[in-house]
N, C-alpha and C. Protein backbone atom coordinates (compact mmCIF):
# COMPACT_ATOMS: atom_id res chain seq x y z
N MET A 1 -100.48 31.51 36.12
CA MET A 1 -100.17 30.38 36.96
C MET A 1 -99.79 29.16 36.14
N SER A 2 -99.48 29.39 34.90
CA SER A 2 -99.10 28.29 34.02
C SER A 2 -97.65 27.92 34.28
N ASP A 3 -97.47 26.73 34.73
CA ASP A 3 -96.14 26.19 34.96
C ASP A 3 -95.93 25.12 33.90
N ASN A 4 -94.99 25.31 33.02
CA ASN A 4 -94.83 24.44 31.86
C ASN A 4 -94.07 23.15 32.16
N ARG A 5 -94.17 22.67 33.33
CA ARG A 5 -93.45 21.43 33.60
C ARG A 5 -94.38 20.24 33.40
N LEU A 6 -93.83 19.14 32.93
CA LEU A 6 -94.56 17.94 32.63
C LEU A 6 -94.87 17.19 33.93
N VAL A 7 -96.13 16.85 34.12
CA VAL A 7 -96.54 16.15 35.33
C VAL A 7 -96.82 14.69 35.05
N TYR A 8 -97.44 14.39 33.91
CA TYR A 8 -97.78 13.01 33.58
C TYR A 8 -97.65 12.81 32.08
N SER A 9 -97.18 11.67 31.69
CA SER A 9 -97.06 11.33 30.28
C SER A 9 -97.56 9.91 30.09
N THR A 10 -98.34 9.69 29.03
CA THR A 10 -98.83 8.34 28.76
C THR A 10 -97.70 7.42 28.29
N ASP A 11 -96.58 8.00 27.88
CA ASP A 11 -95.45 7.18 27.44
C ASP A 11 -94.71 6.56 28.62
N ILE A 12 -94.49 7.36 29.67
CA ILE A 12 -93.67 6.85 30.77
C ILE A 12 -94.33 6.96 32.13
N GLY A 13 -95.57 7.45 32.23
CA GLY A 13 -96.26 7.50 33.51
C GLY A 13 -95.99 8.78 34.26
N ARG A 14 -96.05 8.69 35.58
CA ARG A 14 -95.88 9.86 36.43
C ARG A 14 -94.45 10.38 36.35
N ILE A 15 -94.33 11.68 36.21
CA ILE A 15 -93.03 12.32 36.12
C ILE A 15 -92.73 12.96 37.47
N ASN A 16 -91.60 12.64 38.03
CA ASN A 16 -91.22 13.18 39.32
C ASN A 16 -89.87 13.86 39.16
N ASN A 17 -89.88 15.17 39.13
CA ASN A 17 -88.64 15.91 38.93
C ASN A 17 -87.87 16.16 40.21
N GLU A 18 -88.45 15.76 41.34
CA GLU A 18 -87.74 15.95 42.61
C GLU A 18 -86.53 15.02 42.63
N GLU A 19 -85.55 15.41 43.40
CA GLU A 19 -84.36 14.57 43.52
C GLU A 19 -84.73 13.23 44.13
N ALA A 20 -84.01 12.22 43.76
CA ALA A 20 -84.27 10.88 44.28
C ALA A 20 -84.05 10.89 45.79
N LYS A 21 -84.98 10.28 46.49
CA LYS A 21 -84.88 10.22 47.94
C LYS A 21 -83.78 9.23 48.33
N PRO A 22 -82.95 9.59 49.31
CA PRO A 22 -81.92 8.65 49.73
C PRO A 22 -82.55 7.44 50.40
N GLN A 23 -81.96 6.27 50.19
CA GLN A 23 -82.49 5.07 50.80
C GLN A 23 -82.26 5.10 52.30
N ALA A 24 -83.17 4.47 53.02
CA ALA A 24 -83.07 4.44 54.47
C ALA A 24 -81.82 3.68 54.89
N GLN A 25 -81.12 4.20 55.86
CA GLN A 25 -79.94 3.54 56.39
C GLN A 25 -80.37 2.38 57.28
N ALA A 26 -79.66 1.29 57.20
CA ALA A 26 -79.96 0.14 58.04
C ALA A 26 -79.55 0.46 59.47
N LYS A 27 -80.39 0.05 60.41
CA LYS A 27 -80.10 0.26 61.82
C LYS A 27 -79.22 -0.91 62.28
N LEU A 28 -77.94 -0.62 62.52
CA LEU A 28 -77.00 -1.65 62.94
C LEU A 28 -76.64 -1.43 64.40
N PHE A 29 -76.37 -2.52 65.10
CA PHE A 29 -76.05 -2.43 66.53
C PHE A 29 -74.58 -2.74 66.75
N LYS A 30 -74.01 -2.09 67.77
CA LYS A 30 -72.57 -2.23 68.03
C LYS A 30 -72.18 -3.64 68.45
N ASP A 31 -73.09 -4.37 69.11
CA ASP A 31 -72.74 -5.71 69.57
C ASP A 31 -72.81 -6.76 68.46
N GLY A 32 -73.22 -6.36 67.26
CA GLY A 32 -73.26 -7.27 66.12
C GLY A 32 -74.46 -8.19 66.09
N ALA A 33 -75.34 -8.08 67.05
CA ALA A 33 -76.53 -8.93 67.09
C ALA A 33 -77.68 -8.25 66.36
N ILE A 34 -78.56 -9.07 65.82
CA ILE A 34 -79.78 -8.52 65.23
C ILE A 34 -80.90 -8.66 66.25
N ARG A 35 -81.91 -7.83 66.14
CA ARG A 35 -83.00 -7.80 67.11
C ARG A 35 -84.30 -8.26 66.45
N ILE A 36 -85.10 -8.96 67.22
CA ILE A 36 -86.45 -9.30 66.80
C ILE A 36 -87.40 -8.51 67.68
N GLU A 37 -88.14 -7.60 67.08
CA GLU A 37 -89.07 -6.75 67.81
C GLU A 37 -90.49 -7.12 67.43
N LYS A 38 -91.42 -6.86 68.34
CA LYS A 38 -92.83 -7.06 68.06
C LYS A 38 -93.47 -5.69 67.88
N GLN A 39 -94.33 -5.57 66.87
CA GLN A 39 -94.99 -4.29 66.63
C GLN A 39 -96.45 -4.53 66.29
N THR A 40 -97.34 -3.75 66.93
CA THR A 40 -98.76 -3.82 66.61
C THR A 40 -99.30 -2.44 66.24
N LYS A 41 -98.51 -1.43 66.46
CA LYS A 41 -98.94 -0.05 66.22
C LYS A 41 -99.26 0.18 64.74
N GLY A 42 -100.45 0.72 64.48
CA GLY A 42 -100.85 1.03 63.12
C GLY A 42 -101.24 -0.19 62.30
N ARG A 43 -101.47 -1.32 62.96
CA ARG A 43 -101.79 -2.55 62.24
C ARG A 43 -103.10 -3.16 62.72
N LYS A 44 -103.95 -2.33 63.29
CA LYS A 44 -105.27 -2.76 63.77
C LYS A 44 -105.18 -3.92 64.75
N GLY A 45 -104.17 -3.91 65.60
CA GLY A 45 -104.00 -4.94 66.62
C GLY A 45 -103.29 -6.20 66.16
N LYS A 46 -103.06 -6.33 64.88
CA LYS A 46 -102.37 -7.51 64.37
C LYS A 46 -100.87 -7.34 64.60
N GLY A 47 -100.24 -8.34 65.14
CA GLY A 47 -98.82 -8.24 65.45
C GLY A 47 -97.94 -8.71 64.31
N VAL A 48 -96.81 -8.06 64.17
CA VAL A 48 -95.77 -8.50 63.25
C VAL A 48 -94.44 -8.50 64.00
N MET A 49 -93.54 -9.33 63.53
CA MET A 49 -92.19 -9.37 64.09
C MET A 49 -91.28 -8.64 63.12
N LEU A 50 -90.46 -7.75 63.66
CA LEU A 50 -89.52 -6.99 62.85
C LEU A 50 -88.11 -7.51 63.11
N VAL A 51 -87.41 -7.86 62.05
CA VAL A 51 -86.02 -8.30 62.16
C VAL A 51 -85.16 -7.10 61.78
N VAL A 52 -84.47 -6.53 62.78
CA VAL A 52 -83.75 -5.27 62.62
C VAL A 52 -82.27 -5.50 62.87
N GLY A 53 -81.42 -4.83 62.10
CA GLY A 53 -79.99 -4.85 62.38
C GLY A 53 -79.17 -5.70 61.45
N ILE A 54 -79.75 -6.14 60.33
CA ILE A 54 -78.99 -6.93 59.36
C ILE A 54 -78.38 -5.97 58.35
N ASP A 55 -77.09 -6.10 58.11
CA ASP A 55 -76.40 -5.22 57.17
C ASP A 55 -76.79 -5.61 55.74
N PRO A 56 -77.44 -4.72 54.99
CA PRO A 56 -77.88 -5.06 53.63
C PRO A 56 -76.73 -5.21 52.64
N GLN A 57 -75.54 -4.74 52.99
CA GLN A 57 -74.39 -4.88 52.10
C GLN A 57 -73.75 -6.26 52.23
N GLU A 58 -73.97 -6.92 53.36
CA GLU A 58 -73.40 -8.24 53.58
C GLU A 58 -74.36 -9.37 53.22
N HIS A 59 -75.66 -9.11 53.33
CA HIS A 59 -76.66 -10.15 53.14
C HIS A 59 -77.71 -9.70 52.13
N ASP A 60 -78.25 -10.65 51.39
CA ASP A 60 -79.34 -10.38 50.46
C ASP A 60 -80.64 -10.42 51.26
N LEU A 61 -81.15 -9.23 51.62
CA LEU A 61 -82.31 -9.15 52.49
C LEU A 61 -83.56 -9.73 51.84
N LYS A 62 -83.70 -9.56 50.54
CA LYS A 62 -84.88 -10.07 49.85
C LYS A 62 -84.91 -11.61 49.93
N LYS A 63 -83.78 -12.22 49.70
CA LYS A 63 -83.69 -13.68 49.76
C LYS A 63 -83.88 -14.18 51.19
N LEU A 64 -83.28 -13.48 52.15
CA LEU A 64 -83.42 -13.85 53.55
C LEU A 64 -84.86 -13.73 54.01
N ALA A 65 -85.54 -12.66 53.60
CA ALA A 65 -86.95 -12.47 53.97
C ALA A 65 -87.80 -13.61 53.42
N LYS A 66 -87.55 -14.01 52.19
CA LYS A 66 -88.30 -15.10 51.58
C LYS A 66 -88.07 -16.40 52.34
N THR A 67 -86.82 -16.66 52.73
CA THR A 67 -86.49 -17.86 53.49
C THR A 67 -87.20 -17.87 54.84
N LEU A 68 -87.14 -16.74 55.54
CA LEU A 68 -87.78 -16.67 56.85
C LEU A 68 -89.29 -16.86 56.76
N LYS A 69 -89.90 -16.22 55.80
CA LYS A 69 -91.36 -16.33 55.64
C LYS A 69 -91.77 -17.77 55.32
N SER A 70 -91.00 -18.44 54.48
CA SER A 70 -91.36 -19.81 54.11
C SER A 70 -91.14 -20.77 55.28
N LYS A 71 -90.05 -20.59 56.03
CA LYS A 71 -89.80 -21.47 57.17
C LYS A 71 -90.78 -21.22 58.31
N MET A 72 -91.23 -19.98 58.45
CA MET A 72 -92.21 -19.65 59.48
C MET A 72 -93.64 -20.03 59.05
N GLY A 73 -93.85 -20.15 57.75
CA GLY A 73 -95.20 -20.42 57.26
C GLY A 73 -96.10 -19.21 57.40
N GLN A 74 -95.52 -18.02 57.30
CA GLN A 74 -96.25 -16.77 57.50
C GLN A 74 -95.99 -15.84 56.32
N GLY A 75 -96.78 -14.80 56.24
CA GLY A 75 -96.55 -13.76 55.26
C GLY A 75 -95.61 -12.72 55.84
N GLY A 76 -95.32 -11.71 55.06
CA GLY A 76 -94.45 -10.66 55.53
C GLY A 76 -94.01 -9.78 54.40
N ALA A 77 -93.03 -8.92 54.70
CA ALA A 77 -92.54 -7.97 53.70
C ALA A 77 -91.14 -7.51 54.08
N LEU A 78 -90.51 -6.83 53.13
CA LEU A 78 -89.23 -6.18 53.36
C LEU A 78 -89.43 -4.69 53.10
N LYS A 79 -89.32 -3.87 54.15
CA LYS A 79 -89.52 -2.44 54.04
C LYS A 79 -88.38 -1.70 54.72
N ASP A 80 -87.72 -0.83 53.99
CA ASP A 80 -86.64 0.01 54.53
C ASP A 80 -85.58 -0.80 55.27
N ASN A 81 -85.13 -1.88 54.66
CA ASN A 81 -84.09 -2.76 55.23
C ASN A 81 -84.51 -3.42 56.54
N ILE A 82 -85.79 -3.52 56.77
CA ILE A 82 -86.33 -4.22 57.94
C ILE A 82 -87.23 -5.34 57.43
N ILE A 83 -86.99 -6.55 57.90
CA ILE A 83 -87.81 -7.69 57.49
C ILE A 83 -88.99 -7.79 58.44
N GLU A 84 -90.20 -7.80 57.88
CA GLU A 84 -91.42 -7.95 58.66
C GLU A 84 -91.96 -9.36 58.42
N VAL A 85 -92.27 -10.07 59.50
CA VAL A 85 -92.87 -11.39 59.41
C VAL A 85 -94.14 -11.36 60.25
N GLN A 86 -95.25 -11.79 59.67
CA GLN A 86 -96.51 -11.75 60.39
C GLN A 86 -96.52 -12.78 61.50
N GLY A 87 -97.29 -12.51 62.54
CA GLY A 87 -97.42 -13.43 63.65
C GLY A 87 -96.64 -12.98 64.86
N ASP A 88 -96.57 -13.88 65.86
CA ASP A 88 -95.87 -13.53 67.10
C ASP A 88 -95.15 -14.73 67.69
N ASP A 89 -94.47 -15.50 66.89
CA ASP A 89 -93.69 -16.63 67.39
C ASP A 89 -92.21 -16.27 67.31
N ARG A 90 -91.80 -15.33 68.19
CA ARG A 90 -90.44 -14.81 68.12
C ARG A 90 -89.39 -15.86 68.47
N ASN A 91 -89.74 -16.82 69.34
CA ASN A 91 -88.77 -17.85 69.70
C ASN A 91 -88.45 -18.75 68.51
N LYS A 92 -89.47 -19.10 67.72
CA LYS A 92 -89.25 -19.91 66.52
C LYS A 92 -88.40 -19.14 65.51
N LEU A 93 -88.71 -17.84 65.35
CA LEU A 93 -87.93 -17.01 64.43
C LEU A 93 -86.49 -16.90 64.89
N LYS A 94 -86.28 -16.80 66.19
CA LYS A 94 -84.92 -16.73 66.73
C LYS A 94 -84.14 -18.01 66.42
N LEU A 95 -84.78 -19.16 66.59
CA LEU A 95 -84.11 -20.43 66.29
C LEU A 95 -83.74 -20.54 64.81
N ILE A 96 -84.64 -20.07 63.93
CA ILE A 96 -84.36 -20.12 62.49
C ILE A 96 -83.18 -19.22 62.16
N LEU A 97 -83.16 -18.01 62.71
CA LEU A 97 -82.05 -17.09 62.44
C LEU A 97 -80.74 -17.61 63.00
N GLU A 98 -80.78 -18.21 64.18
CA GLU A 98 -79.56 -18.78 64.76
C GLU A 98 -79.04 -19.94 63.92
N SER A 99 -79.95 -20.72 63.32
CA SER A 99 -79.51 -21.81 62.44
C SER A 99 -78.86 -21.27 61.17
N LEU A 100 -79.16 -20.01 60.83
CA LEU A 100 -78.53 -19.33 59.68
C LEU A 100 -77.29 -18.55 60.10
N ASN A 101 -76.77 -18.83 61.29
CA ASN A 101 -75.53 -18.25 61.83
C ASN A 101 -75.61 -16.76 62.13
N PHE A 102 -76.75 -16.31 62.64
CA PHE A 102 -76.89 -14.94 63.11
C PHE A 102 -76.90 -14.93 64.63
N LYS A 103 -76.36 -13.88 65.21
CA LYS A 103 -76.43 -13.65 66.64
C LYS A 103 -77.72 -12.86 66.86
N VAL A 104 -78.66 -13.40 67.65
CA VAL A 104 -80.01 -12.86 67.74
C VAL A 104 -80.37 -12.52 69.18
N LYS A 105 -81.07 -11.39 69.35
CA LYS A 105 -81.64 -11.02 70.64
C LYS A 105 -83.10 -10.66 70.42
N ILE A 106 -83.94 -11.03 71.40
CA ILE A 106 -85.34 -10.65 71.35
C ILE A 106 -85.49 -9.34 72.09
N ALA A 107 -86.04 -8.33 71.41
CA ALA A 107 -86.16 -6.99 71.98
C ALA A 107 -87.62 -6.68 72.27
N GLY A 108 -87.84 -5.85 73.25
CA GLY A 108 -89.20 -5.41 73.56
C GLY A 108 -89.97 -6.43 74.38
N GLY A 109 -91.25 -6.12 74.59
CA GLY A 109 -92.09 -6.97 75.44
C GLY A 109 -92.83 -7.93 74.72
């Protein structure tokens, strides 16, 4: 059962010989608008706002996420081309995005 493949090296860390996973495709909408969704699932009841539908080839998502988080005064993250902002003030987030020249719709309940 000896498989002579390298699993870990102190020189470079964990070795992963599997093919690189393709990056997640951005969810874009035909009407050109981006959506602000609310999500609490898997977050112990804490709500986050998801900004979905921004084309990562046209906009720097990392910079945009930082701008949104600072203007909202909230934490958040960028995961799989989706910007997450903590809290539930979707109207304020919509106004900030509209001031940045985005067409915005609030999705969900």
